[in-house]
Structure formats: structure tokens, C-alpha cells
């Protein structure tokens, strides 16, 4: 992977959030590429329960300050950055007071999904892409982890399809078993439609369940990785029908070689 540029976009990354399948692989995979001489950038949301002082986050003024339009409202984008100790890896945090100040990640203290998680997902996708544009950094691969990041493939392939920086970028999405019950805000499809996205690509979002959100991500990705030992059967079948390159689940001890080969032979070919 020497000199290859890989952008990692995840809903969670250790050490900033507790260890889960997603947060762990969102750290281990970039670390592996970094050790192989690749160039990496990691993006995640700056949830309010991330301790900024302990992790030494600081705002990057030159990248902050633009407004993103979400459902016809201007929402200011704040970019913060931190370094993972001992790894020489930088992590960029997408922040906004309205969406990410609350002291929680995706659910309230009763375990209910936040009603604006749909808008947070749109904001996160647009925020990552606009920041990478400002950095003028053209990734060879964009690897997406976690459902809050799952609108990124859609926005890249539709809303930003004429952006030359991403012309050659290949999108890989990891599909995990870390889901949510019920559905996101039913208005999600209208909020995405507001961005003049081709209606045929978002039909599944009429019912914004976890499976349907991931189906849209699968449709707009170039290759897929199964990130959990078991994933919903509906998604397993959908992956088979997609006729796209799919890497089966690999655990932490064996993923490095498999991911490297998959990147080189199935994604970048």
C-alpha cells in the first residue's frame, strides 16, 4: 500500500470512543496501511462525550467556517483534529453545536435514537467531503465504517459526482452487525431529495431502517467488506446480488493480509 492515499470515514474510532467492532477496525485498518507506507486520513464525528482536553483536540481554523446546507438550513462546519498517541496518525473531527454538542453519541439515556440522526448523517457526509476538498487531497480509496457514515457513498457518487478530486477514488464500505432498531426520521428521503439526488438511487430510504440505509451504501460503493461474523441475512443476500467484489469476514488476527490483497487486487485494479 506504499504511497496509496486512503481516506477512512467512520462513525466511531478508538481511542476516542469505547471499543466495538467498528471503532476497533476503524483504528486497526488505517494503522496497518500507515505501517505499510500508505498515506491515510481518518474522519469521525466530534460527539459531545469525547473528552477534548484528554485527547488534545483543537480546532483547525483554516478548515472551519463554511456552512453546509441541510434541509434548506445553513449549518456551520467546525473541524477539529487530534493525533492518536504513538501512532503518528491524525484524526479529523466533524463538529457542529446543533448536531454534536450533546453528551452522547447516537441515542439518549433511554436508548432511543436521536430524532435528528438523519440530518447528522447528511451533515457528516457533506462535512467530510468539503473538508477533503479544502485539503485538496485526492484519495485512491475511501473506506466507510458504521451506519452514521453510510450516506457518504451516495453523496460522493451523486451530489459530488462532478468533483474532479474524487474522479479516480474507489469506495469500499464495511457492513457490520452493529445496527439500530426501528428506523431513522421518515423525512430522511425528503432531506436527501432536497440535494437533487437521483430519486431512483434512494427509493429504499422511504423506510430508513438500518438494512435499507446499508443497501443504499452498497449500491453506491465499488467494493464491500463483511465486517462482522454474522450480518443480517437480508444484507448478506443483497451483497451476493450486488455482483460487486465482496471480502468475507476476517477477524483481527488475519485481516491485515486479506484487506491489503483486497485493496490491491479487487478495489484498485
C-alpha atoms as a PDB file:
ATOM      1  CA  UNK A   1       0.000   0.000   0.000  1.00  0.00           C
ATOM      2  CA  UNK A   2       3.060   2.254  -0.173  1.00  0.00           C
ATOM      3  CA  UNK A   3       2.153   5.843  -1.169  1.00  0.00           C
ATOM      4  CA  UNK A   4      -1.512   4.924  -1.695  1.00  0.00           C
ATOM      5  CA  UNK A   5      -3.910   7.501  -0.261  1.00  0.00           C
ATOM      6  CA  UNK A   6      -6.739   6.058   1.814  1.00  0.00           C
ATOM      7  CA  UNK A   7      -9.490   8.059   3.467  1.00  0.00           C
ATOM      8  CA  UNK A   8     -11.204   6.343   6.403  1.00  0.00           C
ATOM      9  CA  UNK A   9     -14.639   7.656   7.322  1.00  0.00           C
ATOM     10  CA  UNK A  10     -16.182   6.136  10.433  1.00  0.00           C
ATOM     11  CA  UNK A  11     -18.939   6.747  12.942  1.00  0.00           C
ATOM     12  CA  UNK A  12     -16.537   5.711  15.731  1.00  0.00           C
ATOM     13  CA  UNK A  13     -12.823   5.189  16.277  1.00  0.00           C
ATOM     14  CA  UNK A  14     -10.810   4.025  19.303  1.00  0.00           C
ATOM     15  CA  UNK A  15      -9.339   5.545  21.463  1.00  0.00           C
ATOM     16  CA  UNK A  16     -11.950   8.334  21.266  1.00  0.00           C
ATOM     17  CA  UNK A  17     -14.929   6.039  21.873  1.00  0.00           C
ATOM     18  CA  UNK A  18     -15.268   2.638  23.592  1.00  0.00           C
ATOM     19  CA  UNK A  19     -14.072  -0.448  21.750  1.00  0.00           C
ATOM     20  CA  UNK A  20     -16.592  -2.045  19.403  1.00  0.00           C
ATOM     21  CA  UNK A  21     -16.146  -3.966  16.155  1.00  0.00           C
ATOM     22  CA  UNK A  22     -16.456  -0.720  14.194  1.00  0.00           C
ATOM     23  CA  UNK A  23     -14.318   1.530  16.393  1.00  0.00           C
ATOM     24  CA  UNK A  24     -11.613  -1.121  16.594  1.00  0.00           C
ATOM     25  CA  UNK A  25     -11.401  -1.820  12.831  1.00  0.00           C
ATOM     26  CA  UNK A  26     -11.579   1.938  12.129  1.00  0.00           C
ATOM     27  CA  UNK A  27      -8.292   2.171  14.021  1.00  0.00           C
ATOM     28  CA  UNK A  28      -6.591  -1.122  13.112  1.00  0.00           C
ATOM     29  CA  UNK A  29      -7.078  -0.810   9.333  1.00  0.00           C
ATOM     30  CA  UNK A  30      -5.565   2.684   8.961  1.00  0.00           C
ATOM     31  CA  UNK A  31      -2.762   1.726  11.339  1.00  0.00           C
ATOM     32  CA  UNK A  32      -1.962  -1.241   9.084  1.00  0.00           C
ATOM     33  CA  UNK A  33      -1.865   0.928   5.944  1.00  0.00           C
ATOM     34  CA  UNK A  34       0.189   3.551   7.780  1.00  0.00           C
ATOM     35  CA  UNK A  35       2.764   0.894   8.708  1.00  0.00           C
ATOM     36  CA  UNK A  36       2.921  -0.167   5.055  1.00  0.00           C
ATOM     37  CA  UNK A  37       3.868   3.347   3.972  1.00  0.00           C
ATOM     38  CA  UNK A  38       0.437   4.441   2.799  1.00  0.00           C
ATOM     39  CA  UNK A  39      -0.956   7.937   3.371  1.00  0.00           C
ATOM     40  CA  UNK A  40      -4.088   7.986   5.492  1.00  0.00           C
ATOM     41  CA  UNK A  41      -6.673  10.394   6.831  1.00  0.00           C
ATOM     42  CA  UNK A  42      -9.373   9.436   9.338  1.00  0.00           C
ATOM     43  CA  UNK A  43     -12.649  11.321   9.840  1.00  0.00           C
ATOM     44  CA  UNK A  44     -15.249  10.814  12.563  1.00  0.00           C
ATOM     45  CA  UNK A  45     -17.959  12.925  14.256  1.00  0.00           C
ATOM     46  CA  UNK A  46     -16.960  15.016  17.293  1.00  0.00           C
ATOM     47  CA  UNK A  47     -19.610  13.710  19.690  1.00  0.00           C
ATOM     48  CA  UNK A  48     -20.072  15.685  22.903  1.00  0.00           C
ATOM     49  CA  UNK A  49     -18.952  12.751  25.048  1.00  0.00           C
ATOM     50  CA  UNK A  50     -15.430  12.824  23.571  1.00  0.00           C
ATOM     51  CA  UNK A  51     -13.111  14.423  26.101  1.00  0.00           C
ATOM     52  CA  UNK A  52     -11.402  17.191  24.116  1.00  0.00           C
ATOM     53  CA  UNK A  53      -8.849  18.005  26.786  1.00  0.00           C
ATOM     54  CA  UNK A  54      -7.759  14.443  27.405  1.00  0.00           C
ATOM     55  CA  UNK A  55      -7.445  13.675  23.688  1.00  0.00           C
ATOM     56  CA  UNK A  56      -5.992  17.115  22.871  1.00  0.00           C
ATOM     57  CA  UNK A  57      -8.456  18.078  20.165  1.00  0.00           C
ATOM     58  CA  UNK A  58      -8.027  21.525  18.684  1.00  0.00           C
ATOM     59  CA  UNK A  59      -9.914  23.447  16.040  1.00  0.00           C
ATOM     60  CA  UNK A  60      -8.374  23.908  12.599  1.00  0.00           C
ATOM     61  CA  UNK A  61      -9.452  27.449  11.781  1.00  0.00           C
ATOM     62  CA  UNK A  62      -8.425  27.297   8.107  1.00  0.00           C
ATOM     63  CA  UNK A  63     -10.730  24.294   7.558  1.00  0.00           C
ATOM     64  CA  UNK A  64     -13.655  25.518   9.680  1.00  0.00           C
ATOM     65  CA  UNK A  65     -16.084  28.284   8.930  1.00  0.00           C
ATOM     66  CA  UNK A  66     -18.078  27.132   5.933  1.00  0.00           C
ATOM     67  CA  UNK A  67     -21.811  26.493   6.136  1.00  0.00           C
ATOM     68  CA  UNK A  68     -23.397  23.282   4.913  1.00  0.00           C
ATOM     69  CA  UNK A  69     -26.993  23.385   3.725  1.00  0.00           C
ATOM     70  CA  UNK A  70     -29.027  20.664   5.423  1.00  0.00           C
ATOM     71  CA  UNK A  71     -32.714  20.590   4.510  1.00  0.00           C
ATOM     72  CA  UNK A  72     -32.590  24.291   3.500  1.00  0.00           C
ATOM     73  CA  UNK A  73     -30.843  25.392   6.721  1.00  0.00           C
ATOM     74  CA  UNK A  74     -27.296  26.745   6.955  1.00  0.00           C
ATOM     75  CA  UNK A  75     -25.316  24.707   9.480  1.00  0.00           C
ATOM     76  CA  UNK A  76     -21.764  25.873  10.395  1.00  0.00           C
ATOM     77  CA  UNK A  77     -18.996  23.295   9.961  1.00  0.00           C
ATOM     78  CA  UNK A  78     -16.279  23.125  12.622  1.00  0.00           C
ATOM     79  CA  UNK A  79     -13.208  20.949  12.066  1.00  0.00           C
ATOM     80  CA  UNK A  80     -11.080  19.694  14.929  1.00  0.00           C
ATOM     81  CA  UNK A  81      -8.018  17.481  14.820  1.00  0.00           C
ATOM     82  CA  UNK A  82      -6.089  15.207  17.180  1.00  0.00           C
ATOM     83  CA  UNK A  83      -3.261  12.699  16.934  1.00  0.00           C
ATOM     84  CA  UNK A  84      -3.511   9.095  18.095  1.00  0.00           C
ATOM     85  CA  UNK A  85      -0.667   8.685  20.597  1.00  0.00           C
ATOM     86  CA  UNK A  86       2.352   6.632  19.455  1.00  0.00           C
ATOM     87  CA  UNK A  87       0.849   6.058  16.003  1.00  0.00           C
ATOM     88  CA  UNK A  88       1.571   9.314  14.156  1.00  0.00           C
ATOM     89  CA  UNK A  89      -1.990   9.164  12.835  1.00  0.00           C
ATOM     90  CA  UNK A  90      -4.161  12.269  12.626  1.00  0.00           C
ATOM     91  CA  UNK A  91      -7.906  12.123  13.132  1.00  0.00           C
ATOM     92  CA  UNK A  92     -10.211  14.869  11.840  1.00  0.00           C
ATOM     93  CA  UNK A  93     -13.445  15.521  13.714  1.00  0.00           C
ATOM     94  CA  UNK A  94     -16.593  16.896  12.077  1.00  0.00           C
ATOM     95  CA  UNK A  95     -18.345  19.179  14.557  1.00  0.00           C
ATOM     96  CA  UNK A  96     -21.400  21.398  14.794  1.00  0.00           C
ATOM     97  CA  UNK A  97     -23.003  22.701  18.003  1.00  0.00           C
ATOM     98  CA  UNK A  98     -26.531  21.811  16.917  1.00  0.00           C
ATOM     99  CA  UNK A  99     -25.728  18.210  15.977  1.00  0.00           C
ATOM    100  CA  UNK A 100     -22.813  17.106  18.129  1.00  0.00           C
ATOM    101  CA  UNK A 101     -22.691  19.112  21.359  1.00  0.00           C
ATOM    102  CA  UNK A 102     -24.940  16.733  23.362  1.00  0.00           C
ATOM    103  CA  UNK A 103     -23.064  14.406  25.705  1.00  0.00           C
ATOM    104  CA  UNK A 104     -23.925  11.211  23.848  1.00  0.00           C
ATOM    105  CA  UNK A 105     -23.313   9.504  20.515  1.00  0.00           C
ATOM    106  CA  UNK A 106     -26.408   8.170  18.735  1.00  0.00           C
ATOM    107  CA  UNK A 107     -29.037   7.558  21.448  1.00  0.00           C
ATOM    108  CA  UNK A 108     -30.415   9.277  24.544  1.00  0.00           C
ATOM    109  CA  UNK A 109     -30.116   7.855  28.070  1.00  0.00           C
ATOM    110  CA  UNK A 110     -33.144   5.640  27.469  1.00  0.00           C
ATOM    111  CA  UNK A 111     -31.555   4.113  24.386  1.00  0.00           C
ATOM    112  CA  UNK A 112     -33.804   5.948  21.910  1.00  0.00           C
ATOM    113  CA  UNK A 113     -32.258   7.138  18.633  1.00  0.00           C
ATOM    114  CA  UNK A 114     -31.893  10.904  18.408  1.00  0.00           C
ATOM    115  CA  UNK A 115     -34.613  12.203  16.060  1.00  0.00           C
ATOM    116  CA  UNK A 116     -32.061  14.220  14.077  1.00  0.00           C
ATOM    117  CA  UNK A 117     -29.657  11.329  13.400  1.00  0.00           C
ATOM    118  CA  UNK A 118     -30.741  11.533   9.758  1.00  0.00           C
ATOM    119  CA  UNK A 119     -29.551  15.151   9.492  1.00  0.00           C
ATOM    120  CA  UNK A 120     -26.397  14.342  11.440  1.00  0.00           C
ATOM    121  CA  UNK A 121     -25.600  11.638   8.855  1.00  0.00           C
ATOM    122  CA  UNK A 122     -26.111  14.079   5.957  1.00  0.00           C
ATOM    123  CA  UNK A 123     -24.019  16.735   7.724  1.00  0.00           C
ATOM    124  CA  UNK A 124     -21.248  14.247   8.432  1.00  0.00           C
ATOM    125  CA  UNK A 125     -21.097  13.045   4.805  1.00  0.00           C
ATOM    126  CA  UNK A 126     -21.041  16.566   3.369  1.00  0.00           C
ATOM    127  CA  UNK A 127     -18.635  17.796   6.058  1.00  0.00           C
ATOM    128  CA  UNK A 128     -16.080  15.091   5.282  1.00  0.00           C
ATOM    129  CA  UNK A 129     -16.219  15.707   1.537  1.00  0.00           C
ATOM    130  CA  UNK A 130     -15.989  19.507   1.843  1.00  0.00           C
ATOM    131  CA  UNK A 131     -13.017  19.203   4.218  1.00  0.00           C
ATOM    132  CA  UNK A 132     -11.151  16.794   1.929  1.00  0.00           C
ATOM    133  CA  UNK A 133     -11.779  19.280  -0.903  1.00  0.00           C
ATOM    134  CA  UNK A 134     -10.251  22.052   1.219  1.00  0.00           C
ATOM    135  CA  UNK A 135      -7.261  19.824   1.947  1.00  0.00           C
ATOM    136  CA  UNK A 136      -7.009  19.227  -1.835  1.00  0.00           C
ATOM    137  CA  UNK A 137      -6.202  15.597  -1.066  1.00  0.00           C
ATOM    138  CA  UNK A 138      -7.342  13.065  -3.662  1.00  0.00           C
ATOM    139  CA  UNK A 139      -7.823   9.594  -2.110  1.00  0.00           C
ATOM    140  CA  UNK A 140      -7.261   6.357  -4.046  1.00  0.00           C
ATOM    141  CA  UNK A 141      -9.661   4.550  -1.710  1.00  0.00           C
ATOM    142  CA  UNK A 142     -12.411   5.820   0.581  1.00  0.00           C
ATOM    143  CA  UNK A 143     -13.292   3.207   3.220  1.00  0.00           C
ATOM    144  CA  UNK A 144     -16.564   3.722   5.111  1.00  0.00           C
ATOM    145  CA  UNK A 145     -17.426   2.200   8.522  1.00  0.00           C
ATOM    146  CA  UNK A 146     -20.674   2.472  10.507  1.00  0.00           C
ATOM    147  CA  UNK A 147     -24.211   3.495   9.618  1.00  0.00           C
ATOM    148  CA  UNK A 148     -23.832   7.175  10.556  1.00  0.00           C
ATOM    149  CA  UNK A 149     -21.225   7.340   7.772  1.00  0.00           C
ATOM    150  CA  UNK A 150     -23.310   5.312   5.329  1.00  0.00           C
ATOM    151  CA  UNK A 151     -24.629   8.253   3.284  1.00  0.00           C
ATOM    152  CA  UNK A 152     -21.092   9.151   2.190  1.00  0.00           C
ATOM    153  CA  UNK A 153     -21.034   6.798  -0.842  1.00  0.00           C
ATOM    154  CA  UNK A 154     -24.386   8.206  -2.007  1.00  0.00           C
ATOM    155  CA  UNK A 155     -23.264  11.827  -1.709  1.00  0.00           C
ATOM    156  CA  UNK A 156     -19.933  11.140  -3.412  1.00  0.00           C
ATOM    157  CA  UNK A 157     -21.498   9.310  -6.360  1.00  0.00           C
ATOM    158  CA  UNK A 158     -24.482  11.646  -6.751  1.00  0.00           C
ATOM    159  CA  UNK A 159     -24.194  15.120  -5.190  1.00  0.00           C
ATOM    160  CA  UNK A 160     -20.424  15.409  -5.782  1.00  0.00           C
ATOM    161  CA  UNK A 161     -20.226  13.349  -8.980  1.00  0.00           C
ATOM    162  CA  UNK A 162     -18.667  16.249 -10.917  1.00  0.00           C
ATOM    163  CA  UNK A 163     -15.981  16.924  -8.308  1.00  0.00           C
ATOM    164  CA  UNK A 164     -12.666  16.105 -10.080  1.00  0.00           C
ATOM    165  CA  UNK A 165     -10.817  15.426  -6.817  1.00  0.00           C
ATOM    166  CA  UNK A 166     -12.740  12.147  -6.442  1.00  0.00           C
ATOM    167  CA  UNK A 167     -12.770  11.053 -10.104  1.00  0.00           C
ATOM    168  CA  UNK A 168     -10.432   8.120  -9.509  1.00  0.00           C
ATOM    169  CA  UNK A 169     -11.469   7.335  -5.914  1.00  0.00           C
ATOM    170  CA  UNK A 170     -12.878   3.871  -5.195  1.00  0.00           C
ATOM    171  CA  UNK A 171     -15.394   3.473  -2.370  1.00  0.00           C
ATOM    172  CA  UNK A 172     -15.273   0.479  -0.023  1.00  0.00           C
ATOM    173  CA  UNK A 173     -17.998   0.031   2.600  1.00  0.00           C
ATOM    174  CA  UNK A 174     -17.683  -2.351   5.535  1.00  0.00           C
ATOM    175  CA  UNK A 175     -21.034  -3.879   6.513  1.00  0.00           C
ATOM    176  CA  UNK A 176     -21.355  -4.666  10.227  1.00  0.00           C
ATOM    177  CA  UNK A 177     -23.938  -6.184  12.523  1.00  0.00           C
ATOM    178  CA  UNK A 178     -23.910  -3.014  14.669  1.00  0.00           C
ATOM    179  CA  UNK A 179     -27.322  -1.679  13.755  1.00  0.00           C
ATOM    180  CA  UNK A 180     -30.322   0.068  15.285  1.00  0.00           C
ATOM    181  CA  UNK A 181     -33.945  -0.910  15.873  1.00  0.00           C
ATOM    182  CA  UNK A 182     -36.917   0.662  14.123  1.00  0.00           C
ATOM    183  CA  UNK A 183     -35.981   3.461  11.697  1.00  0.00           C
ATOM    184  CA  UNK A 184     -34.499   6.925  11.361  1.00  0.00           C
ATOM    185  CA  UNK A 185     -36.656  10.005  10.782  1.00  0.00           C
ATOM    186  CA  UNK A 186     -39.139   9.263   7.970  1.00  0.00           C
ATOM    187  CA  UNK A 187     -38.276  12.649   6.463  1.00  0.00           C
ATOM    188  CA  UNK A 188     -34.773  11.485   5.569  1.00  0.00           C
ATOM    189  CA  UNK A 189     -35.737  10.766   1.948  1.00  0.00           C
ATOM    190  CA  UNK A 190     -37.101  14.315   1.534  1.00  0.00           C
ATOM    191  CA  UNK A 191     -33.996  15.861   3.090  1.00  0.00           C
ATOM    192  CA  UNK A 192     -31.746  13.887   0.742  1.00  0.00           C
ATOM    193  CA  UNK A 193     -34.019  14.689  -2.211  1.00  0.00           C
ATOM    194  CA  UNK A 194     -33.555  18.391  -1.378  1.00  0.00           C
ATOM    195  CA  UNK A 195     -29.979  17.956  -2.649  1.00  0.00           C
ATOM    196  CA  UNK A 196     -31.292  16.974  -6.114  1.00  0.00           C
ATOM    197  CA  UNK A 197     -30.136  13.390  -5.739  1.00  0.00           C
ATOM    198  CA  UNK A 198     -31.489  10.967  -8.343  1.00  0.00           C
ATOM    199  CA  UNK A 199     -34.756   9.596  -6.831  1.00  0.00           C
ATOM    200  CA  UNK A 200     -34.077   6.112  -8.253  1.00  0.00           C
ATOM    201  CA  UNK A 201     -30.980   5.799  -6.037  1.00  0.00           C
ATOM    202  CA  UNK A 202     -32.803   6.482  -2.760  1.00  0.00           C
ATOM    203  CA  UNK A 203     -36.092   4.574  -3.046  1.00  0.00           C
ATOM    204  CA  UNK A 204     -35.049   2.356  -0.123  1.00  0.00           C
ATOM    205  CA  UNK A 205     -34.881   5.413   2.151  1.00  0.00           C
ATOM    206  CA  UNK A 206     -38.684   5.672   2.171  1.00  0.00           C
ATOM    207  CA  UNK A 207     -38.314   3.328   5.125  1.00  0.00           C
ATOM    208  CA  UNK A 208     -34.957   4.355   6.642  1.00  0.00           C
ATOM    209  CA  UNK A 209     -34.173   1.163   8.571  1.00  0.00           C
ATOM    210  CA  UNK A 210     -30.606   0.002   9.178  1.00  0.00           C
ATOM    211  CA  UNK A 211     -30.838  -2.564   6.365  1.00  0.00           C
ATOM    212  CA  UNK A 212     -32.208  -0.039   3.867  1.00  0.00           C
ATOM    213  CA  UNK A 213     -29.563   2.545   4.751  1.00  0.00           C
ATOM    214  CA  UNK A 214     -26.859  -0.061   4.154  1.00  0.00           C
ATOM    215  CA  UNK A 215     -28.473  -1.147   0.867  1.00  0.00           C
ATOM    216  CA  UNK A 216     -28.107   2.408  -0.444  1.00  0.00           C
ATOM    217  CA  UNK A 217     -24.452   2.407   0.665  1.00  0.00           C
ATOM    218  CA  UNK A 218     -23.882  -0.971  -1.040  1.00  0.00           C
ATOM    219  CA  UNK A 219     -25.456   0.322  -4.274  1.00  0.00           C
ATOM    220  CA  UNK A 220     -23.125   3.331  -4.354  1.00  0.00           C
ATOM    221  CA  UNK A 221     -19.919   1.513  -3.337  1.00  0.00           C
ATOM    222  CA  UNK A 222     -17.345  -0.111  -5.615  1.00  0.00           C
ATOM    223  CA  UNK A 223     -16.454  -2.941  -3.227  1.00  0.00           C
ATOM    224  CA  UNK A 224     -17.686  -4.301   0.105  1.00  0.00           C
ATOM    225  CA  UNK A 225     -16.235  -5.918   3.201  1.00  0.00           C
ATOM    226  CA  UNK A 226     -18.248  -8.011   5.665  1.00  0.00           C
ATOM    227  CA  UNK A 227     -17.124  -6.555   8.991  1.00  0.00           C
ATOM    228  CA  UNK A 228     -18.942  -8.901  11.393  1.00  0.00           C
ATOM    229  CA  UNK A 229     -19.022 -12.687  11.691  1.00  0.00           C
ATOM    230  CA  UNK A 230     -22.778 -12.501  11.173  1.00  0.00           C
ATOM    231  CA  UNK A 231     -24.731  -9.762   9.432  1.00  0.00           C
ATOM    232  CA  UNK A 232     -28.493  -9.593   8.749  1.00  0.00           C
ATOM    233  CA  UNK A 233     -29.480 -12.279   6.220  1.00  0.00           C
ATOM    234  CA  UNK A 234     -31.233  -9.645   4.106  1.00  0.00           C
ATOM    235  CA  UNK A 235     -27.931  -7.775   3.698  1.00  0.00           C
ATOM    236  CA  UNK A 236     -25.999 -10.984   3.086  1.00  0.00           C
ATOM    237  CA  UNK A 237     -28.300 -11.759   0.165  1.00  0.00           C
ATOM    238  CA  UNK A 238     -28.155  -8.182  -1.082  1.00  0.00           C
ATOM    239  CA  UNK A 239     -24.342  -8.322  -1.145  1.00  0.00           C
ATOM    240  CA  UNK A 240     -24.458 -11.525  -3.204  1.00  0.00           C
ATOM    241  CA  UNK A 241     -26.890  -9.967  -5.669  1.00  0.00           C
ATOM    242  CA  UNK A 242     -24.776  -6.809  -5.991  1.00  0.00           C
ATOM    243  CA  UNK A 243     -22.199  -8.646  -8.173  1.00  0.00           C
ATOM    244  CA  UNK A 244     -19.521  -6.404  -6.639  1.00  0.00           C
ATOM    245  CA  UNK A 245     -16.254  -7.555  -5.074  1.00  0.00           C
ATOM    246  CA  UNK A 246     -17.011  -8.697  -1.513  1.00  0.00           C
ATOM    247  CA  UNK A 247     -14.441  -9.700   1.094  1.00  0.00           C
ATOM    248  CA  UNK A 248     -15.760 -12.138   3.682  1.00  0.00           C
ATOM    249  CA  UNK A 249     -15.347 -11.511   7.399  1.00  0.00           C
ATOM    250  CA  UNK A 250     -11.795 -11.613   8.751  1.00  0.00           C
ATOM    251  CA  UNK A 251     -11.037 -11.348  12.439  1.00  0.00           C
ATOM    252  CA  UNK A 252      -8.405  -9.079  13.965  1.00  0.00           C
ATOM    253  CA  UNK A 253      -5.639 -11.681  13.716  1.00  0.00           C
ATOM    254  CA  UNK A 254      -5.988 -12.315   9.995  1.00  0.00           C
ATOM    255  CA  UNK A 255      -7.457  -9.159   8.477  1.00  0.00           C
ATOM    256  CA  UNK A 256      -4.211  -7.338   7.567  1.00  0.00           C
ATOM    257  CA  UNK A 257      -3.081  -9.566   4.727  1.00  0.00           C
ATOM    258  CA  UNK A 258      -6.626 -10.092   3.430  1.00  0.00           C
ATOM    259  CA  UNK A 259      -7.505  -6.368   3.431  1.00  0.00           C
ATOM    260  CA  UNK A 260      -4.212  -5.450   1.728  1.00  0.00           C
ATOM    261  CA  UNK A 261      -4.776  -8.007  -1.018  1.00  0.00           C
ATOM    262  CA  UNK A 262      -8.424  -6.948  -1.412  1.00  0.00           C
ATOM    263  CA  UNK A 263      -7.445  -3.269  -1.717  1.00  0.00           C
ATOM    264  CA  UNK A 264      -4.759  -4.082  -4.305  1.00  0.00           C
ATOM    265  CA  UNK A 265      -6.497  -6.707  -6.438  1.00  0.00           C
ATOM    266  CA  UNK A 266     -10.249  -6.075  -6.143  1.00  0.00           C
ATOM    267  CA  UNK A 267     -10.512  -2.347  -5.419  1.00  0.00           C
ATOM    268  CA  UNK A 268      -7.595  -0.672  -7.200  1.00  0.00           C
ATOM    269  CA  UNK A 269      -7.377  -2.990 -10.219  1.00  0.00           C
END
